[in-house]
Amino acid sequence: MNIGDKLPEVLGKDQQGSDIKLSDFAGRKIILYTYPKANTPGCTAEACSLQEHKAELEAEDYAIIGVSKDRQELQQKFAEKYDLQFPLIADTDTTLLQELGAWGEKTNYGKTTMGILRTTFLADENGIITQIFTSKQIKTKIHAEQILESLK
């Protein structure tokens, strides 16, 4: 997906097993972020950064939604462990991740594998993508601050 594209209507099931759709957030802006794996250092830092600044992001009218390939049960434990107060989509078959363009080849220590490309999409009240943060731009420990700074 690129700037100007509309996020998909069907996002998936969250950690509670609830169906999450774009239309559930009608009239609100969205931060949709993809992360490789719950409970890993970088992903935990990113999620905690967003939770820590949730009130500031909501003041800008943004709702936060996370997406990874983790099973619903793992997403639920991750949310409970870190008191994450936003939906975490369990995209176990990578349908949404592929549609977003956040699933692809990654190289780590010279080894190429398929996996989640850490990406954050900011979308307006109509679900139209207005900004994209790529994995090279995202600093997990201060990601919420990066987003807030970009809104100025």
C-alpha atoms as a PDB file:
ATOM      1  CA  MET A   1       0.000   0.000   0.000  1.00  0.00           C
ATOM      2  CA  ASN A   2       1.067   3.546  -0.703  1.00  0.00           C
ATOM      3  CA  ILE A   3       0.151   7.050   0.399  1.00  0.00           C
ATOM      4  CA  GLY A   4      -3.278   7.803  -1.051  1.00  0.00           C
ATOM      5  CA  ASP A   5      -4.470   4.179  -0.917  1.00  0.00           C
ATOM      6  CA  LYS A   6      -7.371   3.179   1.317  1.00  0.00           C
ATOM      7  CA  LEU A   7      -6.785   0.669   4.093  1.00  0.00           C
ATOM      8  CA  PRO A   8      -8.671  -2.629   3.649  1.00  0.00           C
ATOM      9  CA  GLU A   9     -12.185  -2.804   5.157  1.00  0.00           C
ATOM     10  CA  VAL A  10     -11.629  -6.183   6.802  1.00  0.00           C
ATOM     11  CA  LEU A  11      -8.649  -6.020   9.150  1.00  0.00           C
ATOM     12  CA  GLY A  12      -9.083  -9.330  10.988  1.00  0.00           C
ATOM     13  CA  LYS A  13      -9.705 -10.682  14.478  1.00  0.00           C
ATOM     14  CA  ASP A  14      -8.126  -9.050  17.499  1.00  0.00           C
ATOM     15  CA  GLN A  15      -6.785 -10.567  20.716  1.00  0.00           C
ATOM     16  CA  GLN A  16     -10.355 -10.910  22.053  1.00  0.00           C
ATOM     17  CA  GLY A  17     -11.555 -12.739  18.941  1.00  0.00           C
ATOM     18  CA  SER A  18     -13.575  -9.705  17.818  1.00  0.00           C
ATOM     19  CA  ASP A  19     -13.838  -8.870  14.124  1.00  0.00           C
ATOM     20  CA  ILE A  20     -12.101  -5.564  13.445  1.00  0.00           C
ATOM     21  CA  LYS A  21     -13.111  -3.535  10.398  1.00  0.00           C
ATOM     22  CA  LEU A  22     -12.050  -0.172   9.066  1.00  0.00           C
ATOM     23  CA  SER A  23     -15.653   1.022   9.358  1.00  0.00           C
ATOM     24  CA  ASP A  24     -15.458   0.441  13.145  1.00  0.00           C
ATOM     25  CA  PHE A  25     -13.228   3.537  13.197  1.00  0.00           C
ATOM     26  CA  ALA A  26     -15.319   5.726  10.868  1.00  0.00           C
ATOM     27  CA  GLY A  27     -14.585   9.386  11.474  1.00  0.00           C
ATOM     28  CA  ARG A  28     -11.327   8.633  13.349  1.00  0.00           C
ATOM     29  CA  LYS A  29      -7.758   8.647  12.136  1.00  0.00           C
ATOM     30  CA  ILE A  30      -5.825   5.400  12.406  1.00  0.00           C
ATOM     31  CA  ILE A  31      -2.315   4.296  13.320  1.00  0.00           C
ATOM     32  CA  LEU A  32      -2.013   0.782  11.894  1.00  0.00           C
ATOM     33  CA  TYR A  33       1.340  -0.730  12.762  1.00  0.00           C
ATOM     34  CA  THR A  34       2.802  -4.109  11.874  1.00  0.00           C
ATOM     35  CA  TYR A  35       5.320  -5.826  14.093  1.00  0.00           C
ATOM     36  CA  PRO A  36       7.243  -9.100  13.712  1.00  0.00           C
ATOM     37  CA  LYS A  37       6.532 -10.909  16.999  1.00  0.00           C
ATOM     38  CA  ALA A  38       4.883 -10.220  20.336  1.00  0.00           C
ATOM     39  CA  ASN A  39       7.064 -10.288  23.467  1.00  0.00           C
ATOM     40  CA  THR A  40      10.324  -9.645  21.621  1.00  0.00           C
ATOM     41  CA  PRO A  41      12.384  -6.627  22.758  1.00  0.00           C
ATOM     42  CA  GLY A  42      11.772  -4.345  19.748  1.00  0.00           C
ATOM     43  CA  CYS A  43       8.088  -5.183  19.415  1.00  0.00           C
ATOM     44  CA  THR A  44       7.509  -4.766  23.140  1.00  0.00           C
ATOM     45  CA  ALA A  45       9.293  -1.389  23.133  1.00  0.00           C
ATOM     46  CA  GLU A  46       7.190  -0.210  20.181  1.00  0.00           C
ATOM     47  CA  ALA A  47       3.877  -1.349  21.687  1.00  0.00           C
ATOM     48  CA  CYS A  48       4.736   0.186  25.070  1.00  0.00           C
ATOM     49  CA  SER A  49       5.743   3.470  23.405  1.00  0.00           C
ATOM     50  CA  LEU A  50       2.353   3.640  21.684  1.00  0.00           C
ATOM     51  CA  GLN A  51       0.485   2.716  24.893  1.00  0.00           C
ATOM     52  CA  GLU A  52       2.473   5.260  26.926  1.00  0.00           C
ATOM     53  CA  HIS A  53       1.479   8.041  24.496  1.00  0.00           C
ATOM     54  CA  LYS A  54      -2.013   6.729  23.740  1.00  0.00           C
ATOM     55  CA  ALA A  55      -3.752   9.720  25.346  1.00  0.00           C
ATOM     56  CA  GLU A  56      -1.694  12.177  23.268  1.00  0.00           C
ATOM     57  CA  LEU A  57      -2.385  10.204  20.091  1.00  0.00           C
ATOM     58  CA  GLU A  58      -6.093  10.026  20.920  1.00  0.00           C
ATOM     59  CA  ALA A  59      -6.066  13.798  21.483  1.00  0.00           C
ATOM     60  CA  GLU A  60      -5.021  14.013  17.813  1.00  0.00           C
ATOM     61  CA  ASP A  61      -8.038  11.721  17.091  1.00  0.00           C
ATOM     62  CA  TYR A  62      -5.947   8.613  16.305  1.00  0.00           C
ATOM     63  CA  ALA A  63      -6.944   5.045  17.139  1.00  0.00           C
ATOM     64  CA  ILE A  64      -4.108   2.502  17.398  1.00  0.00           C
ATOM     65  CA  ILE A  65      -4.236  -0.964  15.838  1.00  0.00           C
ATOM     66  CA  GLY A  66      -1.377  -3.478  15.871  1.00  0.00           C
ATOM     67  CA  VAL A  67      -0.943  -6.399  13.461  1.00  0.00           C
ATOM     68  CA  SER A  68       1.322  -9.436  13.600  1.00  0.00           C
ATOM     69  CA  LYS A  69       1.273 -13.080  12.579  1.00  0.00           C
ATOM     70  CA  ASP A  70       0.975 -14.187  16.218  1.00  0.00           C
ATOM     71  CA  ARG A  71      -1.966 -16.357  17.271  1.00  0.00           C
ATOM     72  CA  GLN A  72      -4.880 -14.733  19.079  1.00  0.00           C
ATOM     73  CA  GLU A  73      -3.877 -16.310  22.413  1.00  0.00           C
ATOM     74  CA  LEU A  74      -0.351 -14.883  22.208  1.00  0.00           C
ATOM     75  CA  GLN A  75      -1.721 -11.460  21.244  1.00  0.00           C
ATOM     76  CA  GLN A  76      -4.029 -11.590  24.277  1.00  0.00           C
ATOM     77  CA  LYS A  77      -1.192 -12.521  26.657  1.00  0.00           C
ATOM     78  CA  PHE A  78       0.982  -9.760  25.153  1.00  0.00           C
ATOM     79  CA  ALA A  79      -1.803  -7.188  25.619  1.00  0.00           C
ATOM     80  CA  GLU A  80      -2.448  -8.295  29.204  1.00  0.00           C
ATOM     81  CA  LYS A  81       1.231  -8.432  30.171  1.00  0.00           C
ATOM     82  CA  TYR A  82       1.888  -4.860  29.013  1.00  0.00           C
ATOM     83  CA  ASP A  83      -1.627  -3.450  29.591  1.00  0.00           C
ATOM     84  CA  LEU A  84      -2.040  -2.600  25.917  1.00  0.00           C
ATOM     85  CA  GLN A  85      -5.378  -0.849  25.453  1.00  0.00           C
ATOM     86  CA  PHE A  86      -5.802  -1.228  21.695  1.00  0.00           C
ATOM     87  CA  PRO A  87      -6.617  -4.044  19.258  1.00  0.00           C
ATOM     88  CA  LEU A  88      -3.884  -6.443  18.185  1.00  0.00           C
ATOM     89  CA  ILE A  89      -4.848  -8.262  14.999  1.00  0.00           C
ATOM     90  CA  ALA A  90      -3.871 -11.944  14.837  1.00  0.00           C
ATOM     91  CA  ASP A  91      -3.119 -12.249  11.102  1.00  0.00           C
ATOM     92  CA  THR A  92      -1.929 -15.858  11.256  1.00  0.00           C
ATOM     93  CA  ASP A  93      -2.361 -16.469   7.516  1.00  0.00           C
ATOM     94  CA  THR A  94      -0.706 -13.103   6.626  1.00  0.00           C
ATOM     95  CA  THR A  95      -3.650 -12.019   4.435  1.00  0.00           C
ATOM     96  CA  LEU A  96      -3.720  -8.457   5.805  1.00  0.00           C
ATOM     97  CA  LEU A  97       0.058  -8.217   6.063  1.00  0.00           C
ATOM     98  CA  GLN A  98       0.402  -9.163   2.399  1.00  0.00           C
ATOM     99  CA  GLU A  99      -2.328  -6.724   1.370  1.00  0.00           C
ATOM    100  CA  LEU A 100      -0.525  -3.963   3.250  1.00  0.00           C
ATOM    101  CA  GLY A 101       2.807  -4.855   1.654  1.00  0.00           C
ATOM    102  CA  ALA A 102       4.203  -5.587   5.119  1.00  0.00           C
ATOM    103  CA  TRP A 103       5.096  -9.204   4.343  1.00  0.00           C
ATOM    104  CA  GLY A 104       8.223  -9.905   2.342  1.00  0.00           C
ATOM    105  CA  GLU A 105      11.859 -10.883   2.178  1.00  0.00           C
ATOM    106  CA  LYS A 106      14.028  -9.939   5.124  1.00  0.00           C
ATOM    107  CA  THR A 107      17.753 -10.431   5.474  1.00  0.00           C
ATOM    108  CA  ASN A 108      19.203 -11.041   8.903  1.00  0.00           C
ATOM    109  CA  TYR A 109      22.846 -12.015   9.438  1.00  0.00           C
ATOM    110  CA  GLY A 110      23.122 -12.824   5.733  1.00  0.00           C
ATOM    111  CA  LYS A 111      20.135 -15.179   5.747  1.00  0.00           C
ATOM    112  CA  THR A 112      17.068 -14.265   3.673  1.00  0.00           C
ATOM    113  CA  THR A 113      13.643 -15.314   4.967  1.00  0.00           C
ATOM    114  CA  MET A 114      10.023 -14.263   4.515  1.00  0.00           C
ATOM    115  CA  GLY A 115       8.582 -12.270   7.367  1.00  0.00           C
ATOM    116  CA  ILE A 116       6.839  -9.190   8.648  1.00  0.00           C
ATOM    117  CA  LEU A 117       8.333  -5.869   7.612  1.00  0.00           C
ATOM    118  CA  ARG A 118       7.887  -3.477  10.540  1.00  0.00           C
ATOM    119  CA  THR A 119       5.733  -0.689   9.091  1.00  0.00           C
ATOM    120  CA  THR A 120       3.380   1.988  10.407  1.00  0.00           C
ATOM    121  CA  PHE A 121       0.553   3.465   8.357  1.00  0.00           C
ATOM    122  CA  LEU A 122      -1.183   6.700   9.357  1.00  0.00           C
ATOM    123  CA  ALA A 123      -4.623   7.081   7.799  1.00  0.00           C
ATOM    124  CA  ASP A 124      -7.148   9.913   7.815  1.00  0.00           C
ATOM    125  CA  GLU A 125     -10.815   9.783   8.907  1.00  0.00           C
ATOM    126  CA  ASN A 126     -11.706   8.043   5.622  1.00  0.00           C
ATOM    127  CA  GLY A 127      -9.045   5.337   5.950  1.00  0.00           C
ATOM    128  CA  ILE A 128      -6.809   6.934   3.309  1.00  0.00           C
ATOM    129  CA  ILE A 129      -3.099   6.473   4.036  1.00  0.00           C
ATOM    130  CA  THR A 130      -1.438   9.840   4.636  1.00  0.00           C
ATOM    131  CA  GLN A 131       1.968   8.718   5.896  1.00  0.00           C
ATOM    132  CA  ILE A 132       4.069   5.548   6.054  1.00  0.00           C
ATOM    133  CA  PHE A 133       6.961   4.774   8.388  1.00  0.00           C
ATOM    134  CA  THR A 134       9.211   1.973   7.097  1.00  0.00           C
ATOM    135  CA  SER A 135      11.301  -0.379   9.214  1.00  0.00           C
ATOM    136  CA  LYS A 136      14.427   1.687   8.582  1.00  0.00           C
ATOM    137  CA  GLN A 137      12.694   4.823   9.917  1.00  0.00           C
ATOM    138  CA  ILE A 138      11.051   3.312  12.992  1.00  0.00           C
ATOM    139  CA  LYS A 139      12.850   3.647  16.317  1.00  0.00           C
ATOM    140  CA  THR A 140      10.851   1.236  18.462  1.00  0.00           C
ATOM    141  CA  LYS A 141      11.563   2.818  21.873  1.00  0.00           C
ATOM    142  CA  ILE A 142      10.353   6.247  20.747  1.00  0.00           C
ATOM    143  CA  HIS A 143       7.977   5.390  17.914  1.00  0.00           C
ATOM    144  CA  ALA A 144       4.998   7.229  19.403  1.00  0.00           C
ATOM    145  CA  GLU A 145       7.144  10.351  19.735  1.00  0.00           C
ATOM    146  CA  GLN A 146       8.164   9.968  16.073  1.00  0.00           C
ATOM    147  CA  ILE A 147       4.502   9.844  15.076  1.00  0.00           C
ATOM    148  CA  LEU A 148       3.577  12.843  17.241  1.00  0.00           C
ATOM    149  CA  GLU A 149       6.512  14.829  15.830  1.00  0.00           C
ATOM    150  CA  SER A 150       5.391  14.040  12.274  1.00  0.00           C
ATOM    151  CA  LEU A 151       1.967  15.530  13.006  1.00  0.00           C
ATOM    152  CA  LYS A 152       3.389  18.993  13.751  1.00  0.00           C
END
